[in-house]
Amino acid sequence: MGKANELTFQNDMIRQLVAGGWLLGKLENYNRELALYEEDLLGFVQDTQPEQWQKYCKIYPNNPEQKFLERVAQQLDKADLNAAHKEMRTFGTLGVLRHRIKDRGTRFNLCQ
């Protein structure tokens, strides 16, 4: 697919997602280093799993937000698509969405 066709496809997908209720992120809110919309991720976790978030804050009292973002980015960055064992498939984007983020006794779902 050429660049022009890919851009057309991308813009069509974005238009359809927004029409369906998705929010379009702002470039200035995107952390390129971690490849995350930090505010969205933290807001989702804190709003949907407050008990786990409080537990996490006790484990990491110094800047728990940054620790969590780094943990998620670390899990996203790993991938072993050919892993035979189910537990090894918990990395990468699909692994993180299908399974939980686990860290020192805390568990966070990133998909509902």
PDB file of N, CA and C in Angstrom:
ATOM      1  N   MET A   1       0.856  -1.167   0.000  1.00  0.00           N
ATOM      2  CA  MET A   1       0.000   0.000   0.000  1.00  0.00           C
ATOM      3  C   MET A   1       0.902   1.230   0.000  1.00  0.00           C
ATOM      4  N   GLY A   2       0.651   2.164  -0.895  1.00  0.00           N
ATOM      5  CA  GLY A   2       1.431   3.388  -0.961  1.00  0.00           C
ATOM      6  C   GLY A   2       1.110   4.315   0.193  1.00  0.00           C
ATOM      7  N   LYS A   3       1.997   5.294   0.418  1.00  0.00           N
ATOM      8  CA  LYS A   3       1.799   6.232   1.528  1.00  0.00           C
ATOM      9  C   LYS A   3       0.488   6.993   1.414  1.00  0.00           C
ATOM     10  N   ALA A   4       0.121   7.414   0.208  1.00  0.00           N
ATOM     11  CA  ALA A   4      -1.124   8.159   0.011  1.00  0.00           C
ATOM     12  C   ALA A   4      -2.325   7.302   0.384  1.00  0.00           C
ATOM     13  N   ASN A   5      -2.338   6.031  -0.045  1.00  0.00           N
ATOM     14  CA  ASN A   5      -3.450   5.136   0.294  1.00  0.00           C
ATOM     15  C   ASN A   5      -3.493   4.832   1.780  1.00  0.00           C
ATOM     16  N   GLU A   6      -2.321   4.674   2.392  1.00  0.00           N
ATOM     17  CA  GLU A   6      -2.265   4.390   3.824  1.00  0.00           C
ATOM     18  C   GLU A   6      -2.805   5.571   4.623  1.00  0.00           C
ATOM     19  N   LEU A   7      -2.456   6.797   4.233  1.00  0.00           N
ATOM     20  CA  LEU A   7      -2.939   7.981   4.926  1.00  0.00           C
ATOM     21  C   LEU A   7      -4.451   8.111   4.785  1.00  0.00           C
ATOM     22  N   THR A   8      -4.965   7.823   3.603  1.00  0.00           N
ATOM     23  CA  THR A   8      -6.411   7.857   3.389  1.00  0.00           C
ATOM     24  C   THR A   8      -7.099   6.833   4.280  1.00  0.00           C
ATOM     25  N   PHE A   9      -6.562   5.626   4.338  1.00  0.00           N
ATOM     26  CA  PHE A   9      -7.106   4.563   5.187  1.00  0.00           C
ATOM     27  C   PHE A   9      -7.049   4.976   6.657  1.00  0.00           C
ATOM     28  N   GLN A  10      -5.911   5.510   7.082  1.00  0.00           N
ATOM     29  CA  GLN A  10      -5.744   5.936   8.476  1.00  0.00           C
ATOM     30  C   GLN A  10      -6.768   7.012   8.838  1.00  0.00           C
ATOM     31  N   ASN A  11      -6.916   8.008   7.988  1.00  0.00           N
ATOM     32  CA  ASN A  11      -7.856   9.091   8.273  1.00  0.00           C
ATOM     33  C   ASN A  11      -9.297   8.599   8.297  1.00  0.00           C
ATOM     34  N   ASP A  12      -9.626   7.644   7.435  1.00  0.00           N
ATOM     35  CA  ASP A  12     -10.968   7.066   7.432  1.00  0.00           C
ATOM     36  C   ASP A  12     -11.228   6.308   8.732  1.00  0.00           C
ATOM     37  N   MET A  13     -10.245   5.551   9.188  1.00  0.00           N
ATOM     38  CA  MET A  13     -10.382   4.810  10.453  1.00  0.00           C
ATOM     39  C   MET A  13     -10.586   5.782  11.617  1.00  0.00           C
ATOM     40  N   ILE A  14      -9.789   6.835  11.641  1.00  0.00           N
ATOM     41  CA  ILE A  14      -9.906   7.826  12.716  1.00  0.00           C
ATOM     42  C   ILE A  14     -11.287   8.460  12.696  1.00  0.00           C
ATOM     43  N   ARG A  15     -11.758   8.836  11.524  1.00  0.00           N
ATOM     44  CA  ARG A  15     -13.081   9.452  11.384  1.00  0.00           C
ATOM     45  C   ARG A  15     -14.171   8.518  11.909  1.00  0.00           C
ATOM     46  N   GLN A  16     -14.081   7.236  11.572  1.00  0.00           N
ATOM     47  CA  GLN A  16     -15.086   6.269  12.021  1.00  0.00           C
ATOM     48  C   GLN A  16     -15.037   6.064  13.533  1.00  0.00           C
ATOM     49  N   LEU A  17     -13.839   5.991  14.090  1.00  0.00           N
ATOM     50  CA  LEU A  17     -13.717   5.822  15.535  1.00  0.00           C
ATOM     51  C   LEU A  17     -14.288   7.019  16.286  1.00  0.00           C
ATOM     52  N   VAL A  18     -13.966   8.220  15.823  1.00  0.00           N
ATOM     53  CA  VAL A  18     -14.476   9.440  16.461  1.00  0.00           C
ATOM     54  C   VAL A  18     -15.995   9.503  16.344  1.00  0.00           C
ATOM     55  N   ALA A  19     -16.532   9.130  15.190  1.00  0.00           N
ATOM     56  CA  ALA A  19     -17.982   9.113  14.997  1.00  0.00           C
ATOM     57  C   ALA A  19     -18.649   8.118  15.945  1.00  0.00           C
ATOM     58  N   GLY A  20     -17.920   7.081  16.322  1.00  0.00           N
ATOM     59  CA  GLY A  20     -18.443   6.076  17.245  1.00  0.00           C
ATOM     60  C   GLY A  20     -18.241   6.417  18.709  1.00  0.00           C
ATOM     61  N   GLY A  21     -17.712   7.591  19.002  1.00  0.00           N
ATOM     62  CA  GLY A  21     -17.571   8.013  20.394  1.00  0.00           C
ATOM     63  C   GLY A  21     -16.158   8.039  20.934  1.00  0.00           C
ATOM     64  N   TRP A  22     -15.183   7.593  20.164  1.00  0.00           N
ATOM     65  CA  TRP A  22     -13.800   7.636  20.623  1.00  0.00           C
ATOM     66  C   TRP A  22     -13.327   9.079  20.701  1.00  0.00           C
ATOM     67  N   LEU A  23     -12.424   9.340  21.620  1.00  0.00           N
ATOM     68  CA  LEU A  23     -11.833  10.668  21.740  1.00  0.00           C
ATOM     69  C   LEU A  23     -10.514  10.696  20.984  1.00  0.00           C
ATOM     70  N   LEU A  24     -10.313  11.736  20.238  1.00  0.00           N
ATOM     71  CA  LEU A  24      -9.078  11.905  19.485  1.00  0.00           C
ATOM     72  C   LEU A  24      -8.048  12.564  20.394  1.00  0.00           C
ATOM     73  N   GLY A  25      -6.912  11.910  20.576  1.00  0.00           N
ATOM     74  CA  GLY A  25      -5.866  12.442  21.440  1.00  0.00           C
ATOM     75  C   GLY A  25      -5.178  13.648  20.831  1.00  0.00           C
ATOM     76  N   LYS A  26      -4.627  14.469  21.711  1.00  0.00           N
ATOM     77  CA  LYS A  26      -3.867  15.636  21.271  1.00  0.00           C
ATOM     78  C   LYS A  26      -2.390  15.290  21.289  1.00  0.00           C
ATOM     79  N   LEU A  27      -1.698  15.695  20.265  1.00  0.00           N
ATOM     80  CA  LEU A  27      -0.283  15.385  20.118  1.00  0.00           C
ATOM     81  C   LEU A  27       0.532  15.823  21.332  1.00  0.00           C
ATOM     82  N   GLU A  28       0.198  16.970  21.891  1.00  0.00           N
ATOM     83  CA  GLU A  28       0.977  17.478  23.026  1.00  0.00           C
ATOM     84  C   GLU A  28       0.793  16.645  24.299  1.00  0.00           C
ATOM     85  N   ASN A  29      -0.234  15.808  24.348  1.00  0.00           N
ATOM     86  CA  ASN A  29      -0.457  14.940  25.510  1.00  0.00           C
ATOM     87  C   ASN A  29       0.158  13.558  25.349  1.00  0.00           C
ATOM     88  N   TYR A  30       0.779  13.312  24.208  1.00  0.00           N
ATOM     89  CA  TYR A  30       1.344  11.995  23.914  1.00  0.00           C
ATOM     90  C   TYR A  30       2.814  11.959  24.306  1.00  0.00           C
ATOM     91  N   ASN A  31       3.183  10.978  25.121  1.00  0.00           N
ATOM     92  CA  ASN A  31       4.575  10.787  25.514  1.00  0.00           C
ATOM     93  C   ASN A  31       5.218   9.855  24.501  1.00  0.00           C
ATOM     94  N   ARG A  32       6.025  10.425  23.611  1.00  0.00           N
ATOM     95  CA  ARG A  32       6.638   9.637  22.544  1.00  0.00           C
ATOM     96  C   ARG A  32       7.637   8.618  23.090  1.00  0.00           C
ATOM     97  N   GLU A  33       8.326   8.964  24.160  1.00  0.00           N
ATOM     98  CA  GLU A  33       9.323   8.057  24.736  1.00  0.00           C
ATOM     99  C   GLU A  33       8.680   6.782  25.263  1.00  0.00           C
ATOM    100  N   LEU A  34       7.543   6.922  25.945  1.00  0.00           N
ATOM    101  CA  LEU A  34       6.839   5.762  26.500  1.00  0.00           C
ATOM    102  C   LEU A  34       5.762   5.238  25.560  1.00  0.00           C
ATOM    103  N   ALA A  35       5.442   6.002  24.516  1.00  0.00           N
ATOM    104  CA  ALA A  35       4.389   5.649  23.555  1.00  0.00           C
ATOM    105  C   ALA A  35       3.036   5.498  24.246  1.00  0.00           C
ATOM    106  N   LEU A  36       2.705   6.474  25.090  1.00  0.00           N
ATOM    107  CA  LEU A  36       1.467   6.429  25.864  1.00  0.00           C
ATOM    108  C   LEU A  36       0.839   7.811  25.980  1.00  0.00           C
ATOM    109  N   TYR A  37      -0.468   7.825  26.094  1.00  0.00           N
ATOM    110  CA  TYR A  37      -1.176   9.017  26.540  1.00  0.00           C
ATOM    111  C   TYR A  37      -1.266   8.873  28.059  1.00  0.00           C
ATOM    112  N   GLU A  38      -0.342   9.482  28.751  1.00  0.00           N
ATOM    113  CA  GLU A  38      -0.198   9.283  30.192  1.00  0.00           C
ATOM    114  C   GLU A  38      -1.469   9.608  30.963  1.00  0.00           C
ATOM    115  N   GLU A  39      -2.041  10.766  30.698  1.00  0.00           N
ATOM    116  CA  GLU A  39      -3.223  11.211  31.442  1.00  0.00           C
ATOM    117  C   GLU A  39      -4.390  10.245  31.263  1.00  0.00           C
ATOM    118  N   ASP A  40      -4.589   9.752  30.054  1.00  0.00           N
ATOM    119  CA  ASP A  40      -5.676   8.809  29.790  1.00  0.00           C
ATOM    120  C   ASP A  40      -5.467   7.494  30.531  1.00  0.00           C
ATOM    121  N   LEU A  41      -4.256   6.968  30.460  1.00  0.00           N
ATOM    122  CA  LEU A  41      -3.949   5.700  31.122  1.00  0.00           C
ATOM    123  C   LEU A  41      -4.116   5.808  32.633  1.00  0.00           C
ATOM    124  N   LEU A  42      -3.511   6.831  33.222  1.00  0.00           N
ATOM    125  CA  LEU A  42      -3.608   6.999  34.674  1.00  0.00           C
ATOM    126  C   LEU A  42      -5.046   7.255  35.108  1.00  0.00           C
ATOM    127  N   GLY A  43      -5.763   8.079  34.359  1.00  0.00           N
ATOM    128  CA  GLY A  43      -7.161   8.360  34.697  1.00  0.00           C
ATOM    129  C   GLY A  43      -8.014   7.108  34.647  1.00  0.00           C
ATOM    130  N   PHE A  44      -7.811   6.282  33.625  1.00  0.00           N
ATOM    131  CA  PHE A  44      -8.567   5.038  33.505  1.00  0.00           C
ATOM    132  C   PHE A  44      -8.313   4.123  34.699  1.00  0.00           C
ATOM    133  N   VAL A  45      -7.053   3.919  35.022  1.00  0.00           N
ATOM    134  CA  VAL A  45      -6.694   3.012  36.117  1.00  0.00           C
ATOM    135  C   VAL A  45      -7.200   3.554  37.456  1.00  0.00           C
ATOM    136  N   GLN A  46      -6.998   4.823  37.703  1.00  0.00           N
ATOM    137  CA  GLN A  46      -7.413   5.404  38.977  1.00  0.00           C
ATOM    138  C   GLN A  46      -8.933   5.417  39.129  1.00  0.00           C
ATOM    139  N   ASP A  47      -9.664   5.657  38.041  1.00  0.00           N
ATOM    140  CA  ASP A  47     -11.122   5.701  38.105  1.00  0.00           C
ATOM    141  C   ASP A  47     -11.759   4.320  38.187  1.00  0.00           C
ATOM    142  N   THR A  48     -11.196   3.340  37.500  1.00  0.00           N
ATOM    143  CA  THR A  48     -11.829   2.026  37.424  1.00  0.00           C
ATOM    144  C   THR A  48     -11.330   1.043  38.474  1.00  0.00           C
ATOM    145  N   GLN A  49     -10.151   1.297  39.065  1.00  0.00           N
ATOM    146  CA  GLN A  49      -9.560   0.357  40.008  1.00  0.00           C
ATOM    147  C   GLN A  49      -8.926   1.091  41.185  1.00  0.00           C
ATOM    148  N   PRO A  50      -9.744   1.886  41.896  1.00  0.00           N
ATOM    149  CA  PRO A  50      -9.183   2.731  42.964  1.00  0.00           C
ATOM    150  C   PRO A  50      -8.507   1.951  44.095  1.00  0.00           C
ATOM    151  N   GLU A  51      -9.013   0.762  44.416  1.00  0.00           N
ATOM    152  CA  GLU A  51      -8.405  -0.009  45.502  1.00  0.00           C
ATOM    153  C   GLU A  51      -6.998  -0.458  45.123  1.00  0.00           C
ATOM    154  N   GLN A  52      -6.866  -0.959  43.910  1.00  0.00           N
ATOM    155  CA  GLN A  52      -5.545  -1.387  43.449  1.00  0.00           C
ATOM    156  C   GLN A  52      -4.613  -0.190  43.349  1.00  0.00           C
ATOM    157  N   TRP A  53      -5.131   0.960  42.916  1.00  0.00           N
ATOM    158  CA  TRP A  53      -4.291   2.152  42.793  1.00  0.00           C
ATOM    159  C   TRP A  53      -3.783   2.592  44.175  1.00  0.00           C
ATOM    160  N   GLN A  54      -4.636   2.564  45.174  1.00  0.00           N
ATOM    161  CA  GLN A  54      -4.209   2.947  46.521  1.00  0.00           C
ATOM    162  C   GLN A  54      -3.130   1.994  47.035  1.00  0.00           C
ATOM    163  N   LYS A  55      -3.313   0.721  46.786  1.00  0.00           N
ATOM    164  CA  LYS A  55      -2.318  -0.277  47.167  1.00  0.00           C
ATOM    165  C   LYS A  55      -0.992   0.002  46.460  1.00  0.00           C
ATOM    166  N   TYR A  56      -1.065   0.327  45.176  1.00  0.00           N
ATOM    167  CA  TYR A  56       0.139   0.631  44.389  1.00  0.00           C
ATOM    168  C   TYR A  56       0.853   1.860  44.947  1.00  0.00           C
ATOM    169  N   CYS A  57       0.083   2.865  45.334  1.00  0.00           N
ATOM    170  CA  CYS A  57       0.670   4.101  45.891  1.00  0.00           C
ATOM    171  C   CYS A  57       1.400   3.834  47.208  1.00  0.00           C
ATOM    172  N   LYS A  58       0.921   2.877  47.976  1.00  0.00           N
ATOM    173  CA  LYS A  58       1.610   2.519  49.224  1.00  0.00           C
ATOM    174  C   LYS A  58       2.920   1.790  48.938  1.00  0.00           C
ATOM    175  N   ILE A  59       2.938   0.994  47.873  1.00  0.00           N
ATOM    176  CA  ILE A  59       4.144   0.264  47.489  1.00  0.00           C
ATOM    177  C   ILE A  59       5.189   1.218  46.915  1.00  0.00           C
ATOM    178  N   TYR A  60       4.720   2.180  46.120  1.00  0.00           N
ATOM    179  CA  TYR A  60       5.608   3.169  45.479  1.00  0.00           C
ATOM    180  C   TYR A  60       5.187   4.580  45.919  1.00  0.00           C
ATOM    181  N   PRO A  61       5.526   4.969  47.152  1.00  0.00           N
ATOM    182  CA  PRO A  61       5.069   6.280  47.642  1.00  0.00           C
ATOM    183  C   PRO A  61       5.707   7.475  46.923  1.00  0.00           C
ATOM    184  N   ASN A  62       6.860   7.270  46.321  1.00  0.00           N
ATOM    185  CA  ASN A  62       7.527   8.366  45.607  1.00  0.00           C
ATOM    186  C   ASN A  62       7.212   8.280  44.122  1.00  0.00           C
ATOM    187  N   ASN A  63       6.291   9.121  43.666  1.00  0.00           N
ATOM    188  CA  ASN A  63       5.902   9.229  42.263  1.00  0.00           C
ATOM    189  C   ASN A  63       5.346   7.915  41.696  1.00  0.00           C
ATOM    190  N   PRO A  64       4.240   7.421  42.256  1.00  0.00           N
ATOM    191  CA  PRO A  64       3.648   6.169  41.758  1.00  0.00           C
ATOM    192  C   PRO A  64       3.187   6.274  40.304  1.00  0.00           C
ATOM    193  N   GLU A  65       2.791   7.467  39.878  1.00  0.00           N
ATOM    194  CA  GLU A  65       2.339   7.644  38.502  1.00  0.00           C
ATOM    195  C   GLU A  65       3.458   7.295  37.520  1.00  0.00           C
ATOM    196  N   GLN A  66       4.644   7.843  37.769  1.00  0.00           N
ATOM    197  CA  GLN A  66       5.767   7.582  36.864  1.00  0.00           C
ATOM    198  C   GLN A  66       6.170   6.107  36.898  1.00  0.00           C
ATOM    199  N   LYS A  67       6.172   5.503  38.076  1.00  0.00           N
ATOM    200  CA  LYS A  67       6.502   4.070  38.195  1.00  0.00           C
ATOM    201  C   LYS A  67       5.517   3.227  37.379  1.00  0.00           C
ATOM    202  N   PHE A  68       4.230   3.572  37.492  1.00  0.00           N
ATOM    203  CA  PHE A  68       3.216   2.807  36.773  1.00  0.00           C
ATOM    204  C   PHE A  68       3.375   2.962  35.266  1.00  0.00           C
ATOM    205  N   LEU A  69       3.579   4.178  34.809  1.00  0.00           N
ATOM    206  CA  LEU A  69       3.763   4.426  33.379  1.00  0.00           C
ATOM    207  C   LEU A  69       4.964   3.648  32.842  1.00  0.00           C
ATOM    208  N   GLU A  70       6.034   3.650  33.595  1.00  0.00           N
ATOM    209  CA  GLU A  70       7.233   2.912  33.177  1.00  0.00           C
ATOM    210  C   GLU A  70       6.975   1.417  33.145  1.00  0.00           C
ATOM    211  N   ARG A  71       6.210   0.911  34.116  1.00  0.00           N
ATOM    212  CA  ARG A  71       5.891  -0.518  34.163  1.00  0.00           C
ATOM    213  C   ARG A  71       5.051  -0.927  32.951  1.00  0.00           C
ATOM    214  N   VAL A  72       4.042  -0.127  32.626  1.00  0.00           N
ATOM    215  CA  VAL A  72       3.203  -0.421  31.474  1.00  0.00           C
ATOM    216  C   VAL A  72       4.041  -0.376  30.196  1.00  0.00           C
ATOM    217  N   ALA A  73       4.854   0.659  30.056  1.00  0.00           N
ATOM    218  CA  ALA A  73       5.695   0.782  28.852  1.00  0.00           C
ATOM    219  C   ALA A  73       6.644  -0.400  28.736  1.00  0.00           C
ATOM    220  N   GLN A  74       7.176  -0.854  29.861  1.00  0.00           N
ATOM    221  CA  GLN A  74       8.084  -2.008  29.859  1.00  0.00           C
ATOM    222  C   GLN A  74       7.351  -3.250  29.367  1.00  0.00           C
ATOM    223  N   GLN A  75       6.126  -3.466  29.829  1.00  0.00           N
ATOM    224  CA  GLN A  75       5.340  -4.624  29.395  1.00  0.00           C
ATOM    225  C   GLN A  75       4.975  -4.524  27.915  1.00  0.00           C
ATOM    226  N   LEU A  76       4.646  -3.328  27.474  1.00  0.00           N
ATOM    227  CA  LEU A  76       4.293  -3.134  26.068  1.00  0.00           C
ATOM    228  C   LEU A  76       5.476  -3.363  25.155  1.00  0.00           C
ATOM    229  N   ASP A  77       6.643  -3.015  25.634  1.00  0.00           N
ATOM    230  CA  ASP A  77       7.849  -3.085  24.816  1.00  0.00           C
ATOM    231  C   ASP A  77       8.339  -4.516  24.606  1.00  0.00           C
ATOM    232  N   LYS A  78       7.964  -5.417  25.505  1.00  0.00           N
ATOM    233  CA  LYS A  78       8.383  -6.809  25.388  1.00  0.00           C
ATOM    234  C   LYS A  78       7.377  -7.560  24.527  1.00  0.00           C
ATOM    235  N   ALA A  79       7.866  -8.507  23.782  1.00  0.00           N
ATOM    236  CA  ALA A  79       6.956  -9.355  23.010  1.00  0.00           C
ATOM    237  C   ALA A  79       7.667 -10.625  22.597  1.00  0.00           C
ATOM    238  N   ASP A  80       6.968 -11.724  22.702  1.00  0.00           N
ATOM    239  CA  ASP A  80       7.457 -12.998  22.185  1.00  0.00           C
ATOM    240  C   ASP A  80       6.271 -13.672  21.514  1.00  0.00           C
ATOM    241  N   LEU A  81       6.055 -13.332  20.264  1.00  0.00           N
ATOM    242  CA  LEU A  81       4.886 -13.813  19.528  1.00  0.00           C
ATOM    243  C   LEU A  81       4.874 -15.323  19.342  1.00  0.00           C
ATOM    244  N   ASN A  82       6.044 -15.938  19.422  1.00  0.00           N
ATOM    245  CA  ASN A  82       6.127 -17.379  19.201  1.00  0.00           C
ATOM    246  C   ASN A  82       6.178 -18.176  20.504  1.00  0.00           C
ATOM    247  N   ALA A  83       5.943 -17.517  21.613  1.00  0.00           N
ATOM    248  CA  ALA A  83       6.016 -18.210  22.898  1.00  0.00           C
ATOM    249  C   ALA A  83       4.977 -19.325  22.960  1.00  0.00           C
ATOM    250  N   ALA A  84       5.419 -20.488  23.338  1.00  0.00           N
ATOM    251  CA  ALA A  84       4.524 -21.637  23.430  1.00  0.00           C
ATOM    252  C   ALA A  84       3.716 -21.601  24.723  1.00  0.00           C
ATOM    253  N   HIS A  85       4.280 -21.033  25.761  1.00  0.00           N
ATOM    254  CA  HIS A  85       3.639 -21.007  27.062  1.00  0.00           C
ATOM    255  C   HIS A  85       2.779 -19.756  27.192  1.00  0.00           C
ATOM    256  N   LYS A  86       1.562 -19.900  27.679  1.00  0.00           N
ATOM    257  CA  LYS A  86       0.601 -18.800  27.786  1.00  0.00           C
ATOM    258  C   LYS A  86       1.159 -17.615  28.569  1.00  0.00           C
ATOM    259  N   GLU A  87       1.864 -17.882  29.656  1.00  0.00           N
ATOM    260  CA  GLU A  87       2.379 -16.798  30.496  1.00  0.00           C
ATOM    261  C   GLU A  87       3.374 -15.904  29.765  1.00  0.00           C
ATOM    262  N   MET A  88       4.031 -16.447  28.779  1.00  0.00           N
ATOM    263  CA  MET A  88       5.000 -15.655  28.016  1.00  0.00           C
ATOM    264  C   MET A  88       4.308 -14.725  27.022  1.00  0.00           C
ATOM    265  N   ARG A  89       3.006 -14.905  26.805  1.00  0.00           N
ATOM    266  CA  ARG A  89       2.275 -14.066  25.868  1.00  0.00           C
ATOM    267  C   ARG A  89       1.601 -12.893  26.561  1.00  0.00           C
ATOM    268  N   THR A  90       2.066 -12.516  27.733  1.00  0.00           N
ATOM    269  CA  THR A  90       1.473 -11.411  28.476  1.00  0.00           C
ATOM    270  C   THR A  90       2.146 -10.085  28.145  1.00  0.00           C
ATOM    271  N   PHE A  91       3.073 -10.097  27.224  1.00  0.00           N
ATOM    272  CA  PHE A  91       3.778  -8.887  26.832  1.00  0.00           C
ATOM    273  C   PHE A  91       3.219  -8.335  25.531  1.00  0.00           C
ATOM    274  N   GLY A  92       3.669  -7.164  25.154  1.00  0.00           N
ATOM    275  CA  GLY A  92       3.202  -6.535  23.929  1.00  0.00           C
ATOM    276  C   GLY A  92       1.799  -5.983  24.115  1.00  0.00           C
ATOM    277  N   THR A  93       1.309  -5.298  23.114  1.00  0.00           N
ATOM    278  CA  THR A  93       0.009  -4.623  23.226  1.00  0.00           C
ATOM    279  C   THR A  93      -1.123  -5.603  23.508  1.00  0.00           C
ATOM    280  N   LEU A  94      -1.241  -6.659  22.708  1.00  0.00           N
ATOM    281  CA  LEU A  94      -2.330  -7.610  22.936  1.00  0.00           C
ATOM    282  C   LEU A  94      -2.189  -8.336  24.263  1.00  0.00           C
ATOM    283  N   GLY A  95      -0.966  -8.675  24.626  1.00  0.00           N
ATOM    284  CA  GLY A  95      -0.750  -9.342  25.910  1.00  0.00           C
ATOM    285  C   GLY A  95      -1.172  -8.477  27.077  1.00  0.00           C
ATOM    286  N   VAL A  96      -0.841  -7.197  27.008  1.00  0.00           N
ATOM    287  CA  VAL A  96      -1.195  -6.264  28.086  1.00  0.00           C
ATOM    288  C   VAL A  96      -2.711  -6.080  28.148  1.00  0.00           C
ATOM    289  N   LEU A  97      -3.365  -6.019  26.996  1.00  0.00           N
ATOM    290  CA  LEU A  97      -4.815  -5.851  26.985  1.00  0.00           C
ATOM    291  C   LEU A  97      -5.543  -7.120  27.407  1.00  0.00           C
ATOM    292  N   ARG A  98      -5.015  -8.277  27.033  1.00  0.00           N
ATOM    293  CA  ARG A  98      -5.668  -9.550  27.378  1.00  0.00           C
ATOM    294  C   ARG A  98      -5.436  -9.942  28.828  1.00  0.00           C
ATOM    295  N   HIS A  99      -4.273  -9.619  29.331  1.00  0.00           N
ATOM    296  CA  HIS A  99      -3.890  -9.993  30.691  1.00  0.00           C
ATOM    297  C   HIS A  99      -3.725  -8.728  31.503  1.00  0.00           C
ATOM    298  N   ARG A 100      -3.453  -8.855  32.723  1.00  0.00           N
ATOM    299  CA  ARG A 100      -3.303  -7.698  33.598  1.00  0.00           C
ATOM    300  C   ARG A 100      -1.853  -7.238  33.664  1.00  0.00           C
ATOM    301  N   ILE A 101      -1.695  -6.009  34.085  1.00  0.00           N
ATOM    302  CA  ILE A 101      -0.377  -5.519  34.485  1.00  0.00           C
ATOM    303  C   ILE A 101      -0.232  -5.931  35.940  1.00  0.00           C
ATOM    304  N   LYS A 102       0.809  -6.653  36.234  1.00  0.00           N
ATOM    305  CA  LYS A 102       1.046  -7.125  37.599  1.00  0.00           C
ATOM    306  C   LYS A 102       2.360  -6.543  38.098  1.00  0.00           C
ATOM    307  N   ASP A 103       2.326  -6.055  39.325  1.00  0.00           N
ATOM    308  CA  ASP A 103       3.530  -5.483  39.911  1.00  0.00           C
ATOM    309  C   ASP A 103       3.431  -5.552  41.426  1.00  0.00           C
ATOM    310  N   ARG A 104       4.274  -6.378  42.013  1.00  0.00           N
ATOM    311  CA  ARG A 104       4.405  -6.499  43.468  1.00  0.00           C
ATOM    312  C   ARG A 104       3.060  -6.640  44.180  1.00  0.00           C
ATOM    313  N   GLY A 105       2.252  -7.576  43.705  1.00  0.00           N
ATOM    314  CA  GLY A 105       0.985  -7.875  44.362  1.00  0.00           C
ATOM    315  C   GLY A 105      -0.196  -7.036  43.892  1.00  0.00           C
ATOM    316  N   THR A 106       0.037  -6.107  42.980  1.00  0.00           N
ATOM    317  CA  THR A 106      -1.082  -5.325  42.432  1.00  0.00           C
ATOM    318  C   THR A 106      -1.380  -5.837  41.031  1.00  0.00           C
ATOM    319  N   ARG A 107      -2.645  -5.685  40.643  1.00  0.00           N
ATOM    320  CA  ARG A 107      -3.069  -6.139  39.320  1.00  0.00           C
ATOM    321  C   ARG A 107      -4.011  -5.093  38.730  1.00  0.00           C
ATOM    322  N   PHE A 108      -3.705  -4.706  37.496  1.00  0.00           N
ATOM    323  CA  PHE A 108      -4.504  -3.698  36.817  1.00  0.00           C
ATOM    324  C   PHE A 108      -4.960  -4.209  35.459  1.00  0.00           C
ATOM    325  N   ASN A 109      -6.270  -4.124  35.227  1.00  0.00           N
ATOM    326  CA  ASN A 109      -6.827  -4.409  33.910  1.00  0.00           C
ATOM    327  C   ASN A 109      -6.748  -3.131  33.088  1.00  0.00           C
ATOM    328  N   LEU A 110      -6.254  -3.250  31.863  1.00  0.00           N
ATOM    329  CA  LEU A 110      -6.187  -2.085  30.986  1.00  0.00           C
ATOM    330  C   LEU A 110      -7.234  -2.148  29.884  1.00  0.00           C
ATOM    331  N   CYS A 111      -8.169  -3.082  30.022  1.00  0.00           N
ATOM    332  CA  CYS A 111      -9.210  -3.247  29.027  1.00  0.00           C
ATOM    333  C   CYS A 111     -10.484  -3.697  29.755  1.00  0.00           C
ATOM    334  N   GLN A 112     -11.602  -3.093  29.398  1.00  0.00           N
ATOM    335  CA  GLN A 112     -12.882  -3.497  29.973  1.00  0.00           C
ATOM    336  C   GLN A 112     -13.899  -3.646  28.882  1.00  0.00           C
TER     337      GLN A 112
END
